C-alpha atoms as a PDB file:
ATOM      1  CA  UNK A   1       2.873 -18.095 -17.566  1.00  0.00           C
ATOM      2  CA  UNK A   2      -0.422 -18.782 -15.823  1.00  0.00           C
ATOM      3  CA  UNK A   3      -3.283 -16.284 -15.919  1.00  0.00           C
ATOM      4  CA  UNK A   4      -3.093 -15.804 -12.133  1.00  0.00           C
ATOM      5  CA  UNK A   5       0.618 -14.956 -12.224  1.00  0.00           C
ATOM      6  CA  UNK A   6       0.047 -12.537 -15.108  1.00  0.00           C
ATOM      7  CA  UNK A   7      -2.875 -10.908 -13.279  1.00  0.00           C
ATOM      8  CA  UNK A   8      -0.814 -10.593 -10.076  1.00  0.00           C
ATOM      9  CA  UNK A   9       2.029  -8.974 -12.025  1.00  0.00           C
ATOM     10  CA  UNK A  10      -0.372  -6.447 -13.559  1.00  0.00           C
ATOM     11  CA  UNK A  11      -1.819  -5.620 -10.134  1.00  0.00           C
ATOM     12  CA  UNK A  12       1.667  -5.261  -8.642  1.00  0.00           C
ATOM     13  CA  UNK A  13       2.750  -2.911 -11.436  1.00  0.00           C
ATOM     14  CA  UNK A  14      -0.377  -0.775 -11.001  1.00  0.00           C
ATOM     15  CA  UNK A  15       0.069  -0.637  -7.216  1.00  0.00           C
ATOM     16  CA  UNK A  16       3.733   0.320  -7.517  1.00  0.00           C
ATOM     17  CA  UNK A  17       2.919   3.182  -9.898  1.00  0.00           C
ATOM     18  CA  UNK A  18       0.166   4.387  -7.567  1.00  0.00           C
ATOM     19  CA  UNK A  19       2.515   4.262  -4.578  1.00  0.00           C
ATOM     20  CA  UNK A  20       5.284   6.107  -6.428  1.00  0.00           C
ATOM     21  CA  UNK A  21       3.171   8.790  -8.073  1.00  0.00           C
ATOM     22  CA  UNK A  22       0.389   9.543  -5.598  1.00  0.00           C
ATOM     23  CA  UNK A  23       0.890   8.056  -2.153  1.00  0.00           C
ATOM     24  CA  UNK A  24       4.614   8.348  -1.402  1.00  0.00           C
ATOM     25  CA  UNK A  25       4.855  12.048  -2.362  1.00  0.00           C
ATOM     26  CA  UNK A  26       2.007  12.916   0.021  1.00  0.00           C
ATOM     27  CA  UNK A  27       3.588  10.978   2.894  1.00  0.00           C
ATOM     28  CA  UNK A  28       7.052  12.358   2.172  1.00  0.00           C
ATOM     29  CA  UNK A  29       5.745  15.910   2.576  1.00  0.00           C
ATOM     30  CA  UNK A  30       5.283  15.032   6.257  1.00  0.00           C
ATOM     31  CA  UNK A  31       8.501  13.053   6.708  1.00  0.00           C
ATOM     32  CA  UNK A  32       6.894   9.654   6.190  1.00  0.00           C
ATOM     33  CA  UNK A  33       7.083   7.030   3.494  1.00  0.00           C
ATOM     34  CA  UNK A  34       5.660   3.688   2.429  1.00  0.00           C
ATOM     35  CA  UNK A  35       7.324   0.753   0.698  1.00  0.00           C
ATOM     36  CA  UNK A  36       5.785  -2.083  -1.294  1.00  0.00           C
ATOM     37  CA  UNK A  37       6.412  -5.424   0.435  1.00  0.00           C
ATOM     38  CA  UNK A  38       4.239  -7.860  -1.507  1.00  0.00           C
ATOM     39  CA  UNK A  39       0.923  -8.775  -3.054  1.00  0.00           C
ATOM     40  CA  UNK A  40      -0.884 -12.092  -3.180  1.00  0.00           C
ATOM     41  CA  UNK A  41      -4.494 -13.155  -3.497  1.00  0.00           C
ATOM     42  CA  UNK A  42      -5.988  -9.690  -3.024  1.00  0.00           C
ATOM     43  CA  UNK A  43      -3.783  -8.752  -0.067  1.00  0.00           C
ATOM     44  CA  UNK A  44      -1.299  -5.905  -0.430  1.00  0.00           C
ATOM     45  CA  UNK A  45       1.471  -5.657   2.148  1.00  0.00           C
ATOM     46  CA  UNK A  46       3.334  -2.403   2.691  1.00  0.00           C
ATOM     47  CA  UNK A  47       5.773  -1.047   5.234  1.00  0.00           C
ATOM     48  CA  UNK A  48       5.292   2.371   6.779  1.00  0.00           C
ATOM     49  CA  UNK A  49       8.641   4.167   7.111  1.00  0.00           C
ATOM     50  CA  UNK A  50      10.114   7.417   8.326  1.00  0.00           C
ATOM     51  CA  UNK A  51       7.778   9.537  10.421  1.00  0.00           C
ATOM     52  CA  UNK A  52       4.896   7.129   9.681  1.00  0.00           C
ATOM     53  CA  UNK A  53       6.573   4.295  11.585  1.00  0.00           C
ATOM     54  CA  UNK A  54       5.206   4.576  15.099  1.00  0.00           C
ATOM     55  CA  UNK A  55       3.131   7.698  14.399  1.00  0.00           C
ATOM     56  CA  UNK A  56      -0.131   7.850  16.382  1.00  0.00           C
ATOM     57  CA  UNK A  57      -1.950   8.672  13.116  1.00  0.00           C
ATOM     58  CA  UNK A  58      -0.503   5.730  11.163  1.00  0.00           C
ATOM     59  CA  UNK A  59      -3.696   3.653  11.403  1.00  0.00           C
ATOM     60  CA  UNK A  60      -5.763   6.547  10.072  1.00  0.00           C
ATOM     61  CA  UNK A  61      -3.256   7.026   7.247  1.00  0.00           C
ATOM     62  CA  UNK A  62      -3.531   3.328   6.379  1.00  0.00           C
ATOM     63  CA  UNK A  63      -7.325   3.120   6.512  1.00  0.00           C
ATOM     64  CA  UNK A  64      -8.397   6.513   5.188  1.00  0.00           C
ATOM     65  CA  UNK A  65      -5.473   7.192   2.903  1.00  0.00           C
ATOM     66  CA  UNK A  66      -3.507   4.286   1.533  1.00  0.00           C
ATOM     67  CA  UNK A  67      -6.144   1.525   1.671  1.00  0.00           C
ATOM     68  CA  UNK A  68      -8.925   3.748   0.363  1.00  0.00           C
ATOM     69  CA  UNK A  69      -6.866   5.080  -2.546  1.00  0.00           C
ATOM     70  CA  UNK A  70      -5.523   1.659  -3.501  1.00  0.00           C
ATOM     71  CA  UNK A  71      -8.990   0.076  -3.324  1.00  0.00           C
ATOM     72  CA  UNK A  72     -10.402   2.803  -5.560  1.00  0.00           C
ATOM     73  CA  UNK A  73      -7.740   2.540  -8.263  1.00  0.00           C
ATOM     74  CA  UNK A  74      -6.956  -1.182  -7.938  1.00  0.00           C
ATOM     75  CA  UNK A  75     -10.186  -3.054  -7.130  1.00  0.00           C
ATOM     76  CA  UNK A  76      -8.324  -6.384  -7.166  1.00  0.00           C
ATOM     77  CA  UNK A  77      -6.778  -5.356  -3.844  1.00  0.00           C
ATOM     78  CA  UNK A  78      -9.255  -6.341  -1.149  1.00  0.00           C
ATOM     79  CA  UNK A  79      -7.040  -5.747   1.879  1.00  0.00           C
ATOM     80  CA  UNK A  80      -4.039  -3.573   2.694  1.00  0.00           C
ATOM     81  CA  UNK A  81      -1.762  -4.498   5.594  1.00  0.00           C
ATOM     82  CA  UNK A  82       1.199  -2.679   7.080  1.00  0.00           C
ATOM     83  CA  UNK A  83       3.696  -5.371   8.057  1.00  0.00           C
ATOM     84  CA  UNK A  84       5.134  -3.183  10.808  1.00  0.00           C
ATOM     85  CA  UNK A  85       1.799  -2.188  12.344  1.00  0.00           C
ATOM     86  CA  UNK A  86      -0.049  -4.602  14.631  1.00  0.00           C
ATOM     87  CA  UNK A  87      -3.582  -5.572  13.582  1.00  0.00           C
ATOM     88  CA  UNK A  88      -3.527  -3.796  10.240  1.00  0.00           C
END
């Protein structure tokens, strides 16, 4: 297994734990949710679900919540995109 694949797997595992333990519970309290879609070359892709999908505050949640928290705990992630949100 190449070093890059191993590193990506470690990042993915860390991101998934962070989503499950810290981010999803906070969103679920308000009827929303987020799902891991993929990670490659510093870019994390997620899908906003439930009340978050189409919410007028979704961009703020992405920028000031999800992206900020992920960047803090997983510095390998340089960008977070919501696949179901234009221009994220």
